[in-house]
Amino acid sequence: MLTICYDPYSGTLGRFTRAEIFDLVADAGYEGINIPVNSGFLGELSTAEIDDAVSLAEKHNLVAPTIGFGNHILTTPARQMEALQHYLTLRLLGCG
């Protein structure tokens, strides 16, 4: 069965808080939310910010089938440390 999920990108980031986005997604009847790994959604990418996103997903019974970050950082050698930070974030989210 295909899970219907919402992608919180340009239309909602900066316009609504993370908590409001989760509320809106759940109220709209989505089954999940695709988590963007960026400061617009996860703030400083700290453990507390990530834990908050996980708690909000659990509160609303939403799954997070994808965790996304810009693939351009993977192909740019000068951005190796930034890519590593994203992978560490994914580990904190339990995705690897």
Protein backbone atom coordinates (compact mmCIF):
# COMPACT_ATOMS: atom_id res chain seq x y z
CA MET A 1 0.00 0.00 0.00
CA LEU A 2 1.28 3.46 -0.90
CA THR A 3 1.63 5.85 2.03
CA ILE A 4 0.42 9.38 1.29
CA CYS A 5 2.89 11.90 2.69
CA TYR A 6 3.46 15.63 2.69
CA ASP A 7 6.72 17.35 1.67
CA PRO A 8 7.24 20.51 3.77
CA TYR A 9 9.34 22.67 1.50
CA SER A 10 8.97 26.17 0.05
CA GLY A 11 5.23 26.47 0.54
CA THR A 12 5.32 25.97 4.29
CA LEU A 13 8.88 26.45 5.57
CA GLY A 14 9.27 29.90 7.06
CA ARG A 15 5.54 30.44 6.89
CA PHE A 16 4.59 27.97 9.63
CA THR A 17 6.46 26.59 12.61
CA ARG A 18 7.48 22.93 12.64
CA ALA A 19 4.70 22.16 15.13
CA GLU A 20 2.13 23.96 12.97
CA ILE A 21 3.27 22.01 9.91
CA PHE A 22 2.79 18.71 11.74
CA ASP A 23 -0.66 19.86 12.93
CA LEU A 24 -1.69 20.88 9.41
CA VAL A 25 -0.38 17.67 7.85
CA ALA A 26 -2.23 15.49 10.36
CA ASP A 27 -5.43 17.56 10.13
CA ALA A 28 -5.34 17.26 6.32
CA GLY A 29 -5.39 13.48 6.62
CA TYR A 30 -1.88 12.66 5.44
CA GLU A 31 -0.35 9.42 6.73
CA GLY A 32 3.19 10.71 6.88
CA ILE A 33 5.59 13.56 6.45
CA ASN A 34 8.85 13.59 4.53
CA ILE A 35 11.47 15.18 6.78
CA PRO A 36 13.74 17.77 5.13
CA VAL A 37 17.13 17.97 6.83
CA ASN A 38 17.69 21.71 6.78
CA SER A 39 17.65 24.61 9.20
CA GLY A 40 14.24 25.75 7.96
CA PHE A 41 12.67 22.61 9.41
CA LEU A 42 15.11 21.23 12.00
CA GLY A 43 16.66 24.48 13.22
CA GLU A 44 20.28 23.99 14.22
CA LEU A 45 20.09 20.23 13.58
CA SER A 46 20.63 19.64 17.29
CA THR A 47 19.52 16.53 19.14
CA ALA A 48 16.75 18.54 20.83
CA GLU A 49 15.39 19.78 17.48
CA ILE A 50 15.47 16.27 16.03
CA ASP A 51 13.83 14.79 19.14
CA ASP A 52 11.09 17.41 18.83
CA ALA A 53 10.39 16.40 15.22
CA VAL A 54 10.26 12.73 16.23
CA SER A 55 7.88 13.55 19.10
CA LEU A 56 5.61 15.53 16.80
CA ALA A 57 5.48 12.67 14.30
CA GLU A 58 4.62 10.22 17.08
CA LYS A 59 2.02 12.59 18.57
CA HIS A 60 0.21 12.77 15.24
CA ASN A 61 0.77 9.11 14.30
CA LEU A 62 2.66 10.16 11.18
CA VAL A 63 5.34 8.04 9.56
CA ALA A 64 8.49 9.58 8.07
CA PRO A 65 9.32 7.37 5.07
CA THR A 66 11.95 9.73 3.68
CA ILE A 67 14.57 11.95 5.21
CA GLY A 68 15.82 14.35 2.59
CA PHE A 69 18.72 16.69 2.10
CA GLY A 70 20.18 18.30 -0.99
CA ASN A 71 22.06 15.74 -3.07
CA HIS A 72 24.39 18.45 -4.35
CA ILE A 73 26.34 18.25 -1.10
CA LEU A 74 27.22 14.64 -1.86
CA THR A 75 28.90 15.49 -5.14
CA THR A 76 30.88 18.53 -4.01
CA PRO A 77 34.16 17.55 -2.31
CA ALA A 78 34.43 20.90 -0.53
CA ARG A 79 31.13 20.16 1.24
CA GLN A 80 32.28 16.87 2.78
CA MET A 81 31.84 18.09 6.37
CA GLU A 82 28.32 19.35 5.63
CA ALA A 83 27.41 15.98 4.12
CA LEU A 84 28.83 14.22 7.18
CA GLN A 85 26.66 16.39 9.45
CA HIS A 86 23.56 15.32 7.53
CA TYR A 87 24.49 11.65 7.88
CA LEU A 88 24.99 12.13 11.62
CA THR A 89 21.56 13.74 11.77
CA LEU A 90 20.07 10.72 10.00
CA ARG A 91 21.73 8.43 12.55
CA LEU A 92 20.14 10.45 15.36
CA LEU A 93 16.77 10.01 13.65
CA GLY A 94 17.37 6.25 13.66
CA CYS A 95 17.63 5.97 9.89
CA GLY A 96 20.84 4.07 9.54
